[in-house]
ModelCIF file with pLDDT and N, C-alpha, C, O atoms, coordinates in Angstrom:
data_MODEL
#
_entry.id   MODEL 
#
_entity.id                         1 
_entity.type                       polymer 
_entity.pdbx_number_of_molecules   1 
#
_entity_poly.entity_id                      1 
_entity_poly.type                           'polypeptide(L)' 
_entity_poly.nstd_linkage                   no 
_entity_poly.nstd_monomer                   no 
_entity_poly.pdbx_seq_one_letter_code       EILAALFAHPAYATELAKHDRHQHVMLGYSDSNKDC 
_entity_poly.pdbx_seq_one_letter_code_can   EILAALFAHPAYATELAKHDRHQHVMLGYSDSNKDC 
_entity_poly.pdbx_strand_id                 A 
#
loop_
_entity_poly_seq.entity_id 
_entity_poly_seq.num 
_entity_poly_seq.mon_id 
_entity_poly_seq.hetero 
1 1  GLU n 
1 2  ILE n 
1 3  LEU n 
1 4  ALA n 
1 5  ALA n 
1 6  LEU n 
1 7  PHE n 
1 8  ALA n 
1 9  HIS n 
1 10 PRO n 
1 11 ALA n 
1 12 TYR n 
1 13 ALA n 
1 14 THR n 
1 15 GLU n 
1 16 LEU n 
1 17 ALA n 
1 18 LYS n 
1 19 HIS n 
1 20 ASP n 
1 21 ARG n 
1 22 HIS n 
1 23 GLN n 
1 24 HIS n 
1 25 VAL n 
1 26 MET n 
1 27 LEU n 
1 28 GLY n 
1 29 TYR n 
1 30 SER n 
1 31 ASP n 
1 32 SER n 
1 33 ASN n 
1 34 LYS n 
1 35 ASP n 
1 36 CYS n 
#
_struct_asym.id          A 
_struct_asym.entity_id   1 
#
loop_
_ma_qa_metric.id 
_ma_qa_metric.mode 
_ma_qa_metric.name 
_ma_qa_metric.software_group_id 
_ma_qa_metric.type 
1 global pLDDT . pLDDT 
2 local  pLDDT . pLDDT 
#
_ma_qa_metric_global.metric_id      1 
_ma_qa_metric_global.metric_value   91.00 
_ma_qa_metric_global.model_id       1 
_ma_qa_metric_global.ordinal_id     1 
#
loop_
_ma_qa_metric_local.label_asym_id 
_ma_qa_metric_local.label_comp_id 
_ma_qa_metric_local.label_seq_id 
_ma_qa_metric_local.metric_id 
_ma_qa_metric_local.metric_value 
_ma_qa_metric_local.model_id 
_ma_qa_metric_local.ordinal_id 
A GLU 1  2 96.00 1 1  
A ILE 2  2 96.00 1 2  
A LEU 3  2 97.00 1 3  
A ALA 4  2 96.00 1 4  
A ALA 5  2 96.00 1 5  
A LEU 6  2 96.00 1 6  
A PHE 7  2 95.00 1 7  
A ALA 8  2 94.00 1 8  
A HIS 9  2 94.00 1 9  
A PRO 10 2 92.00 1 10 
A ALA 11 2 89.00 1 11 
A TYR 12 2 92.00 1 12 
A ALA 13 2 88.00 1 13 
A THR 14 2 84.00 1 14 
A GLU 15 2 85.00 1 15 
A LEU 16 2 91.00 1 16 
A ALA 17 2 89.00 1 17 
A LYS 18 2 87.00 1 18 
A HIS 19 2 89.00 1 19 
A ASP 20 2 91.00 1 20 
A ARG 21 2 93.00 1 21 
A HIS 22 2 93.00 1 22 
A GLN 23 2 95.00 1 23 
A HIS 24 2 94.00 1 24 
A VAL 25 2 95.00 1 25 
A MET 26 2 94.00 1 26 
A LEU 27 2 91.00 1 27 
A GLY 28 2 86.00 1 28 
A TYR 29 2 84.00 1 29 
A SER 30 2 81.00 1 30 
A ASP 31 2 84.00 1 31 
A SER 32 2 87.00 1 32 
A ASN 33 2 89.00 1 33 
A LYS 34 2 90.00 1 34 
A ASP 35 2 91.00 1 35 
A CYS 36 2 92.00 1 36 
#
loop_
_atom_site.group_PDB 
_atom_site.id 
_atom_site.type_symbol 
_atom_site.label_atom_id 
_atom_site.label_alt_id 
_atom_site.label_comp_id 
_atom_site.label_asym_id 
_atom_site.label_entity_id 
_atom_site.label_seq_id 
_atom_site.pdbx_PDB_ins_code 
_atom_site.Cartn_x 
_atom_site.Cartn_y 
_atom_site.Cartn_z 
_atom_site.occupancy 
_atom_site.B_iso_or_equiv 
_atom_site.pdbx_formal_charge 
_atom_site.auth_seq_id 
_atom_site.auth_comp_id 
_atom_site.auth_asym_id 
_atom_site.auth_atom_id 
_atom_site.pdbx_PDB_model_num 
ATOM 1   N N  . GLU A 1 1  ? 1.133  -0.746  7.800  1.00 96.00 ? 1  GLU A N  1 
ATOM 2   C CA . GLU A 1 1  ? -0.115 -0.286  7.185  1.00 96.00 ? 1  GLU A CA 1 
ATOM 3   C C  . GLU A 1 1  ? -0.261 -0.824  5.758  1.00 96.00 ? 1  GLU A C  1 
ATOM 4   O O  . GLU A 1 1  ? -1.346 -1.245  5.358  1.00 96.00 ? 1  GLU A O  1 
ATOM 5   N N  . ILE A 1 2  ? 0.830  -0.807  4.998  1.00 96.00 ? 2  ILE A N  1 
ATOM 6   C CA . ILE A 1 2  ? 0.800  -1.310  3.618  1.00 96.00 ? 2  ILE A CA 1 
ATOM 7   C C  . ILE A 1 2  ? 0.517  -2.805  3.599  1.00 96.00 ? 2  ILE A C  1 
ATOM 8   O O  . ILE A 1 2  ? -0.278 -3.276  2.786  1.00 96.00 ? 2  ILE A O  1 
ATOM 9   N N  . LEU A 1 3  ? 1.165  -3.556  4.493  1.00 97.00 ? 3  LEU A N  1 
ATOM 10  C CA . LEU A 1 3  ? 0.964  -5.003  4.526  1.00 97.00 ? 3  LEU A CA 1 
ATOM 11  C C  . LEU A 1 3  ? -0.451 -5.358  4.965  1.00 97.00 ? 3  LEU A C  1 
ATOM 12  O O  . LEU A 1 3  ? -1.051 -6.288  4.426  1.00 97.00 ? 3  LEU A O  1 
ATOM 13  N N  . ALA A 1 4  ? -0.988 -4.630  5.933  1.00 96.00 ? 4  ALA A N  1 
ATOM 14  C CA . ALA A 1 4  ? -2.360 -4.892  6.379  1.00 96.00 ? 4  ALA A CA 1 
ATOM 15  C C  . ALA A 1 4  ? -3.344 -4.697  5.229  1.00 96.00 ? 4  ALA A C  1 
ATOM 16  O O  . ALA A 1 4  ? -4.252 -5.508  5.040  1.00 96.00 ? 4  ALA A O  1 
ATOM 17  N N  . ALA A 1 5  ? -3.164 -3.616  4.456  1.00 96.00 ? 5  ALA A N  1 
ATOM 18  C CA . ALA A 1 5  ? -4.043 -3.363  3.300  1.00 96.00 ? 5  ALA A CA 1 
ATOM 19  C C  . ALA A 1 5  ? -3.850 -4.428  2.224  1.00 96.00 ? 5  ALA A C  1 
ATOM 20  O O  . ALA A 1 5  ? -4.806 -4.835  1.566  1.00 96.00 ? 5  ALA A O  1 
ATOM 21  N N  . LEU A 1 6  ? -2.600 -4.877  2.051  1.00 96.00 ? 6  LEU A N  1 
ATOM 22  C CA . LEU A 1 6  ? -2.304 -5.905  1.052  1.00 96.00 ? 6  LEU A CA 1 
ATOM 23  C C  . LEU A 1 6  ? -2.999 -7.217  1.399  1.00 96.00 ? 6  LEU A C  1 
ATOM 24  O O  . LEU A 1 6  ? -3.628 -7.834  0.538  1.00 96.00 ? 6  LEU A O  1 
ATOM 25  N N  . PHE A 1 7  ? -2.891 -7.644  2.648  1.00 95.00 ? 7  PHE A N  1 
ATOM 26  C CA . PHE A 1 7  ? -3.485 -8.919  3.066  1.00 95.00 ? 7  PHE A CA 1 
ATOM 27  C C  . PHE A 1 7  ? -5.012 -8.875  2.977  1.00 95.00 ? 7  PHE A C  1 
ATOM 28  O O  . PHE A 1 7  ? -5.658 -9.907  2.796  1.00 95.00 ? 7  PHE A O  1 
ATOM 29  N N  . ALA A 1 8  ? -5.586 -7.668  3.108  1.00 94.00 ? 8  ALA A N  1 
ATOM 30  C CA . ALA A 1 8  ? -7.052 -7.537  3.048  1.00 94.00 ? 8  ALA A CA 1 
ATOM 31  C C  . ALA A 1 8  ? -7.571 -7.429  1.626  1.00 94.00 ? 8  ALA A C  1 
ATOM 32  O O  . ALA A 1 8  ? -8.779 -7.513  1.406  1.00 94.00 ? 8  ALA A O  1 
ATOM 33  N N  . HIS A 1 9  ? -6.674 -7.243  0.646  1.00 94.00 ? 9  HIS A N  1 
ATOM 34  C CA . HIS A 1 9  ? -7.104 -7.032  -0.738 1.00 94.00 ? 9  HIS A CA 1 
ATOM 35  C C  . HIS A 1 9  ? -7.455 -8.367  -1.398 1.00 94.00 ? 9  HIS A C  1 
ATOM 36  O O  . HIS A 1 9  ? -6.634 -9.285  -1.399 1.00 94.00 ? 9  HIS A O  1 
ATOM 37  N N  . PRO A 1 10 ? -8.657 -8.489  -1.957 1.00 92.00 ? 10 PRO A N  1 
ATOM 38  C CA . PRO A 1 10 ? -9.074 -9.772  -2.540 1.00 92.00 ? 10 PRO A CA 1 
ATOM 39  C C  . PRO A 1 10 ? -8.188 -10.232 -3.697 1.00 92.00 ? 10 PRO A C  1 
ATOM 40  O O  . PRO A 1 10 ? -8.038 -11.434 -3.920 1.00 92.00 ? 10 PRO A O  1 
ATOM 41  N N  . ALA A 1 11 ? -7.598 -9.282  -4.438 1.00 89.00 ? 11 ALA A N  1 
ATOM 42  C CA . ALA A 1 11 ? -6.751 -9.669  -5.574 1.00 89.00 ? 11 ALA A CA 1 
ATOM 43  C C  . ALA A 1 11 ? -5.466 -10.355 -5.119 1.00 89.00 ? 11 ALA A C  1 
ATOM 44  O O  . ALA A 1 11 ? -4.846 -11.089 -5.888 1.00 89.00 ? 11 ALA A O  1 
ATOM 45  N N  . TYR A 1 12 ? -5.061 -10.113 -3.852 1.00 92.00 ? 12 TYR A N  1 
ATOM 46  C CA . TYR A 1 12 ? -3.815 -10.718 -3.373 1.00 92.00 ? 12 TYR A CA 1 
ATOM 47  C C  . TYR A 1 12 ? -4.058 -12.041 -2.644 1.00 92.00 ? 12 TYR A C  1 
ATOM 48  O O  . TYR A 1 12 ? -3.114 -12.752 -2.302 1.00 92.00 ? 12 TYR A O  1 
ATOM 49  N N  . ALA A 1 13 ? -5.319 -12.358 -2.413 1.00 88.00 ? 13 ALA A N  1 
ATOM 50  C CA . ALA A 1 13 ? -5.634 -13.590 -1.681 1.00 88.00 ? 13 ALA A CA 1 
ATOM 51  C C  . ALA A 1 13 ? -5.093 -14.824 -2.400 1.00 88.00 ? 13 ALA A C  1 
ATOM 52  O O  . ALA A 1 13 ? -4.613 -15.758 -1.757 1.00 88.00 ? 13 ALA A O  1 
ATOM 53  N N  . THR A 1 14 ? -5.171 -14.830 -3.741 1.00 84.00 ? 14 THR A N  1 
ATOM 54  C CA . THR A 1 14 ? -4.680 -15.989 -4.498 1.00 84.00 ? 14 THR A CA 1 
ATOM 55  C C  . THR A 1 14 ? -3.161 -16.114 -4.373 1.00 84.00 ? 14 THR A C  1 
ATOM 56  O O  . THR A 1 14 ? -2.625 -17.222 -4.353 1.00 84.00 ? 14 THR A O  1 
ATOM 57  N N  . GLU A 1 15 ? -2.471 -14.970 -4.289 1.00 85.00 ? 15 GLU A N  1 
ATOM 58  C CA . GLU A 1 15 ? -1.016 -14.991 -4.134 1.00 85.00 ? 15 GLU A CA 1 
ATOM 59  C C  . GLU A 1 15 ? -0.633 -15.646 -2.806 1.00 85.00 ? 15 GLU A C  1 
ATOM 60  O O  . GLU A 1 15 ? 0.272  -16.480 -2.760 1.00 85.00 ? 15 GLU A O  1 
ATOM 61  N N  . LEU A 1 16 ? -1.323 -15.267 -1.728 1.00 91.00 ? 16 LEU A N  1 
ATOM 62  C CA . LEU A 1 16 ? -1.040 -15.849 -0.424 1.00 91.00 ? 16 LEU A CA 1 
ATOM 63  C C  . LEU A 1 16 ? -1.363 -17.335 -0.390 1.00 91.00 ? 16 LEU A C  1 
ATOM 64  O O  . LEU A 1 16 ? -0.597 -18.135 0.148  1.00 91.00 ? 16 LEU A O  1 
ATOM 65  N N  . ALA A 1 17 ? -2.511 -17.700 -0.972 1.00 89.00 ? 17 ALA A N  1 
ATOM 66  C CA . ALA A 1 17 ? -2.913 -19.116 -0.986 1.00 89.00 ? 17 ALA A CA 1 
ATOM 67  C C  . ALA A 1 17 ? -1.912 -19.959 -1.759 1.00 89.00 ? 17 ALA A C  1 
ATOM 68  O O  . ALA A 1 17 ? -1.609 -21.087 -1.371 1.00 89.00 ? 17 ALA A O  1 
ATOM 69  N N  . LYS A 1 18 ? -1.400 -19.410 -2.850 1.00 87.00 ? 18 LYS A N  1 
ATOM 70  C CA . LYS A 1 18 ? -0.456 -20.114 -3.713 1.00 87.00 ? 18 LYS A CA 1 
ATOM 71  C C  . LYS A 1 18 ? 0.822  -20.453 -2.960 1.00 87.00 ? 18 LYS A C  1 
ATOM 72  O O  . LYS A 1 18 ? 1.489  -21.439 -3.273 1.00 87.00 ? 18 LYS A O  1 
ATOM 73  N N  . HIS A 1 19 ? 1.168  -19.629 -1.958 1.00 89.00 ? 19 HIS A N  1 
ATOM 74  C CA . HIS A 1 19 ? 2.411  -19.824 -1.206 1.00 89.00 ? 19 HIS A CA 1 
ATOM 75  C C  . HIS A 1 19 ? 2.128  -20.179 0.257  1.00 89.00 ? 19 HIS A C  1 
ATOM 76  O O  . HIS A 1 19 ? 2.921  -19.871 1.146  1.00 89.00 ? 19 HIS A O  1 
ATOM 77  N N  . ASP A 1 20 ? 0.981  -20.832 0.492  1.00 91.00 ? 20 ASP A N  1 
ATOM 78  C CA . ASP A 1 20 ? 0.627  -21.324 1.838  1.00 91.00 ? 20 ASP A CA 1 
ATOM 79  C C  . ASP A 1 20 ? 0.642  -20.212 2.880  1.00 91.00 ? 20 ASP A C  1 
ATOM 80  O O  . ASP A 1 20 ? 1.111  -20.397 4.003  1.00 91.00 ? 20 ASP A O  1 
ATOM 81  N N  . ARG A 1 21 ? 0.120  -19.052 2.483  1.00 93.00 ? 21 ARG A N  1 
ATOM 82  C CA . ARG A 1 21 ? 0.033  -17.882 3.362  1.00 93.00 ? 21 ARG A CA 1 
ATOM 83  C C  . ARG A 1 21 ? 1.392  -17.542 3.983  1.00 93.00 ? 21 ARG A C  1 
ATOM 84  O O  . ARG A 1 21 ? 1.503  -17.252 5.174  1.00 93.00 ? 21 ARG A O  1 
ATOM 85  N N  . HIS A 1 22 ? 2.405  -17.588 3.141  1.00 93.00 ? 22 HIS A N  1 
ATOM 86  C CA . HIS A 1 22 ? 3.770  -17.254 3.544  1.00 93.00 ? 22 HIS A CA 1 
ATOM 87  C C  . HIS A 1 22 ? 4.218  -16.015 2.779  1.00 93.00 ? 22 HIS A C  1 
ATOM 88  O O  . HIS A 1 22 ? 4.155  -15.993 1.550  1.00 93.00 ? 22 HIS A O  1 
ATOM 89  N N  . GLN A 1 23 ? 4.666  -14.995 3.482  1.00 95.00 ? 23 GLN A N  1 
ATOM 90  C CA . GLN A 1 23 ? 5.048  -13.731 2.857  1.00 95.00 ? 23 GLN A CA 1 
ATOM 91  C C  . GLN A 1 23 ? 6.491  -13.384 3.205  1.00 95.00 ? 23 GLN A C  1 
ATOM 92  O O  . GLN A 1 23 ? 6.869  -13.380 4.377  1.00 95.00 ? 23 GLN A O  1 
ATOM 93  N N  . HIS A 1 24 ? 7.300  -13.091 2.178  1.00 94.00 ? 24 HIS A N  1 
ATOM 94  C CA . HIS A 1 24 ? 8.639  -12.530 2.396  1.00 94.00 ? 24 HIS A CA 1 
ATOM 95  C C  . HIS A 1 24 ? 8.519  -11.013 2.465  1.00 94.00 ? 24 HIS A C  1 
ATOM 96  O O  . HIS A 1 24 ? 7.803  -10.407 1.668  1.00 94.00 ? 24 HIS A O  1 
ATOM 97  N N  . VAL A 1 25 ? 9.211  -10.407 3.404  1.00 95.00 ? 25 VAL A N  1 
ATOM 98  C CA . VAL A 1 25 ? 9.264  -8.947  3.521  1.00 95.00 ? 25 VAL A CA 1 
ATOM 99  C C  . VAL A 1 25 ? 10.734 -8.550  3.666  1.00 95.00 ? 25 VAL A C  1 
ATOM 100 O O  . VAL A 1 25 ? 11.415 -8.983  4.597  1.00 95.00 ? 25 VAL A O  1 
ATOM 101 N N  . MET A 1 26 ? 11.212 -7.727  2.740  1.00 94.00 ? 26 MET A N  1 
ATOM 102 C CA . MET A 1 26 ? 12.614 -7.328  2.759  1.00 94.00 ? 26 MET A CA 1 
ATOM 103 C C  . MET A 1 26 ? 12.776 -5.945  3.382  1.00 94.00 ? 26 MET A C  1 
ATOM 104 O O  . MET A 1 26 ? 11.977 -5.040  3.142  1.00 94.00 ? 26 MET A O  1 
ATOM 105 N N  . LEU A 1 27 ? 13.827 -5.803  4.187  1.00 91.00 ? 27 LEU A N  1 
ATOM 106 C CA . LEU A 1 27 ? 14.129 -4.548  4.860  1.00 91.00 ? 27 LEU A CA 1 
ATOM 107 C C  . LEU A 1 27 ? 15.441 -4.002  4.335  1.00 91.00 ? 27 LEU A C  1 
ATOM 108 O O  . LEU A 1 27 ? 16.437 -4.723  4.271  1.00 91.00 ? 27 LEU A O  1 
ATOM 109 N N  . GLY A 1 28 ? 15.450 -2.728  3.958  1.00 86.00 ? 28 GLY A N  1 
ATOM 110 C CA . GLY A 1 28 ? 16.629 -2.114  3.365  1.00 86.00 ? 28 GLY A CA 1 
ATOM 111 C C  . GLY A 1 28 ? 17.461 -1.364  4.392  1.00 86.00 ? 28 GLY A C  1 
ATOM 112 O O  . GLY A 1 28 ? 17.008 -0.368  4.954  1.00 86.00 ? 28 GLY A O  1 
ATOM 113 N N  . TYR A 1 29 ? 18.666 -1.836  4.636  1.00 84.00 ? 29 TYR A N  1 
ATOM 114 C CA . TYR A 1 29 ? 19.558 -1.199  5.606  1.00 84.00 ? 29 TYR A CA 1 
ATOM 115 C C  . TYR A 1 29 ? 20.314 -0.029  4.982  1.00 84.00 ? 29 TYR A C  1 
ATOM 116 O O  . TYR A 1 29 ? 20.604 0.954   5.664  1.00 84.00 ? 29 TYR A O  1 
ATOM 117 N N  . SER A 1 30 ? 20.634 -0.129  3.694  1.00 81.00 ? 30 SER A N  1 
ATOM 118 C CA . SER A 1 30 ? 21.492 0.869   3.060  1.00 81.00 ? 30 SER A CA 1 
ATOM 119 C C  . SER A 1 30 ? 20.766 2.185   2.816  1.00 81.00 ? 30 SER A C  1 
ATOM 120 O O  . SER A 1 30 ? 21.239 3.246   3.221  1.00 81.00 ? 30 SER A O  1 
ATOM 121 N N  . ASP A 1 31 ? 19.627 2.112   2.160  1.00 84.00 ? 31 ASP A N  1 
ATOM 122 C CA . ASP A 1 31 ? 18.913 3.348   1.832  1.00 84.00 ? 31 ASP A CA 1 
ATOM 123 C C  . ASP A 1 31 ? 18.289 3.989   3.055  1.00 84.00 ? 31 ASP A C  1 
ATOM 124 O O  . ASP A 1 31 ? 18.150 5.211   3.101  1.00 84.00 ? 31 ASP A O  1 
ATOM 125 N N  . SER A 1 32 ? 17.908 3.195   4.049  1.00 87.00 ? 32 SER A N  1 
ATOM 126 C CA . SER A 1 32 ? 17.374 3.789   5.273  1.00 87.00 ? 32 SER A CA 1 
ATOM 127 C C  . SER A 1 32 ? 18.455 4.594   5.980  1.00 87.00 ? 32 SER A C  1 
ATOM 128 O O  . SER A 1 32 ? 18.187 5.675   6.504  1.00 87.00 ? 32 SER A O  1 
ATOM 129 N N  . ASN A 1 33 ? 19.681 4.067   5.995  1.00 89.00 ? 33 ASN A N  1 
ATOM 130 C CA . ASN A 1 33 ? 20.790 4.807   6.596  1.00 89.00 ? 33 ASN A CA 1 
ATOM 131 C C  . ASN A 1 33 ? 21.051 6.103   5.838  1.00 89.00 ? 33 ASN A C  1 
ATOM 132 O O  . ASN A 1 33 ? 21.222 7.158   6.448  1.00 89.00 ? 33 ASN A O  1 
ATOM 133 N N  . LYS A 1 34 ? 21.081 6.027   4.507  1.00 90.00 ? 34 LYS A N  1 
ATOM 134 C CA . LYS A 1 34 ? 21.325 7.216   3.687  1.00 90.00 ? 34 LYS A CA 1 
ATOM 135 C C  . LYS A 1 34 ? 20.207 8.239   3.860  1.00 90.00 ? 34 LYS A C  1 
ATOM 136 O O  . LYS A 1 34 ? 20.441 9.443   3.762  1.00 90.00 ? 34 LYS A O  1 
ATOM 137 N N  . ASP A 1 35 ? 19.014 7.764   4.114  1.00 91.00 ? 35 ASP A N  1 
ATOM 138 C CA . ASP A 1 35 ? 17.858 8.636   4.229  1.00 91.00 ? 35 ASP A CA 1 
ATOM 139 C C  . ASP A 1 35 ? 17.840 9.401   5.548  1.00 91.00 ? 35 ASP A C  1 
ATOM 140 O O  . ASP A 1 35 ? 17.540 10.594  5.567  1.00 91.00 ? 35 ASP A O  1 
ATOM 141 N N  . CYS A 1 36 ? 18.166 8.712   6.670  1.00 92.00 ? 36 CYS A N  1 
ATOM 142 C CA . CYS A 1 36 ? 17.937 9.357   7.966  1.00 92.00 ? 36 CYS A CA 1 
ATOM 143 C C  . CYS A 1 36 ? 19.074 9.204   8.970  1.00 92.00 ? 36 CYS A C  1 
ATOM 144 O O  . CYS A 1 36 ? 18.981 9.709   10.089 1.00 92.00 ? 36 CYS A O  1 
#
Protein backbone atom coordinates (compact mmCIF):
# COMPACT_ATOMS: atom_id res chain seq x y z
CA GLU A 1 0.00 0.00 0.00
CA ILE A 2 2.83 2.42 0.86
CA LEU A 3 4.70 1.66 -2.37
CA ALA A 4 1.57 2.05 -4.50
CA ALA A 5 0.94 5.50 -2.97
CA LEU A 6 4.62 6.40 -3.41
CA PHE A 7 4.69 5.50 -7.11
CA ALA A 8 1.49 7.53 -7.67
CA HIS A 9 2.88 10.65 -5.95
CA PRO A 10 3.99 13.32 -8.46
CA ALA A 11 6.85 14.47 -6.21
CA TYR A 12 8.44 11.00 -6.45
CA ALA A 13 8.15 10.73 -10.23
CA THR A 14 11.47 12.54 -10.72
CA GLU A 15 13.18 10.12 -8.32
CA LEU A 16 11.98 7.11 -10.33
CA ALA A 17 12.91 8.72 -13.66
CA LYS A 18 16.37 9.57 -12.34
CA HIS A 19 16.99 5.86 -11.64
CA ASP A 20 15.30 4.43 -14.77
CA ARG A 21 12.18 3.44 -12.80
CA HIS A 22 14.24 1.14 -10.60
CA GLN A 23 13.33 0.89 -6.91
CA HIS A 24 15.24 -0.82 -4.08
CA VAL A 25 13.04 -2.18 -1.28
CA MET A 26 14.67 -3.52 1.87
CA LEU A 27 13.10 -6.17 4.09
CA GLY A 28 14.02 -6.44 7.77
CA TYR A 29 14.43 -9.97 9.10
CA SER A 30 15.66 -9.04 12.58
CA ASP A 31 13.03 -6.61 13.80
CA SER A 32 10.18 -8.56 12.22
CA ASN A 33 11.27 -11.62 14.18
CA LYS A 34 11.53 -9.60 17.41
CA ASP A 35 8.13 -8.09 16.73
CA CYS A 36 6.06 -11.21 16.03
